[in-house]
Amino acid sequence: MDKSVSKALQFTTRKAWRRWLGRNYASKMEVLLILYEIVGRLGFPYPP
């Protein structure tokens, strides 16, 4: 199996991420999700 990244995507909102998941969950075998926090600002608050 090829471990290279075929296409990098960036989502700036939870809504955009969930929309992508809704459209692609059945056709994608895997996804690498990288979460980061900007100091002084929460990125994706959890729970939704």
Protein backbone atom coordinates (compact mmCIF):
# COMPACT_ATOMS: atom_id res chain seq x y z
CA MET A 1 0.00 0.00 0.00
CA ASP A 2 1.27 3.47 -0.91
CA LYS A 3 1.74 5.66 2.19
CA SER A 4 2.11 8.94 0.31
CA VAL A 5 -0.42 11.72 0.72
CA SER A 6 -2.54 11.92 -2.39
CA LYS A 7 -4.43 15.11 -1.61
CA ALA A 8 -4.16 17.49 1.31
CA LEU A 9 -7.29 19.27 2.47
CA GLN A 10 -7.73 21.97 5.05
CA PHE A 11 -10.98 22.68 6.88
CA THR A 12 -11.39 25.90 8.79
CA THR A 13 -14.75 25.05 10.35
CA ARG A 14 -16.38 22.01 11.89
CA LYS A 15 -19.26 22.44 9.44
CA ALA A 16 -16.93 22.15 6.43
CA TRP A 17 -15.27 19.05 7.90
CA ARG A 18 -18.63 17.36 8.57
CA ARG A 19 -19.89 18.26 5.08
CA TRP A 20 -16.80 16.61 3.55
CA LEU A 21 -17.32 13.54 5.72
CA GLY A 22 -20.97 13.31 4.69
CA ARG A 23 -20.01 13.33 1.02
CA ASN A 24 -16.92 11.11 1.19
CA TYR A 25 -17.21 8.66 4.09
CA ALA A 26 -18.27 5.74 1.87
CA SER A 27 -15.62 6.24 -0.81
CA LYS A 28 -12.46 6.98 1.21
CA MET A 29 -10.55 4.20 2.87
CA GLU A 30 -8.69 6.37 5.37
CA VAL A 31 -8.00 9.91 6.43
CA LEU A 32 -5.19 11.49 8.42
CA LEU A 33 -6.60 14.16 10.69
CA ILE A 34 -4.24 16.68 12.25
CA LEU A 35 -5.66 18.88 14.99
CA TYR A 36 -3.87 21.87 16.39
CA GLU A 37 -4.68 24.62 18.80
CA ILE A 38 -3.71 28.22 18.34
CA VAL A 39 -2.59 29.68 21.67
CA GLY A 40 -5.36 31.80 23.12
CA ARG A 41 -8.05 30.44 20.79
CA LEU A 42 -9.84 27.11 20.73
CA GLY A 43 -10.02 25.47 17.31
CA PHE A 44 -12.79 22.86 17.39
CA PRO A 45 -14.47 22.89 20.79
CA TYR A 46 -15.54 19.44 21.96
CA PRO A 47 -18.21 18.18 22.43
CA PRO A 48 -20.19 19.62 19.49
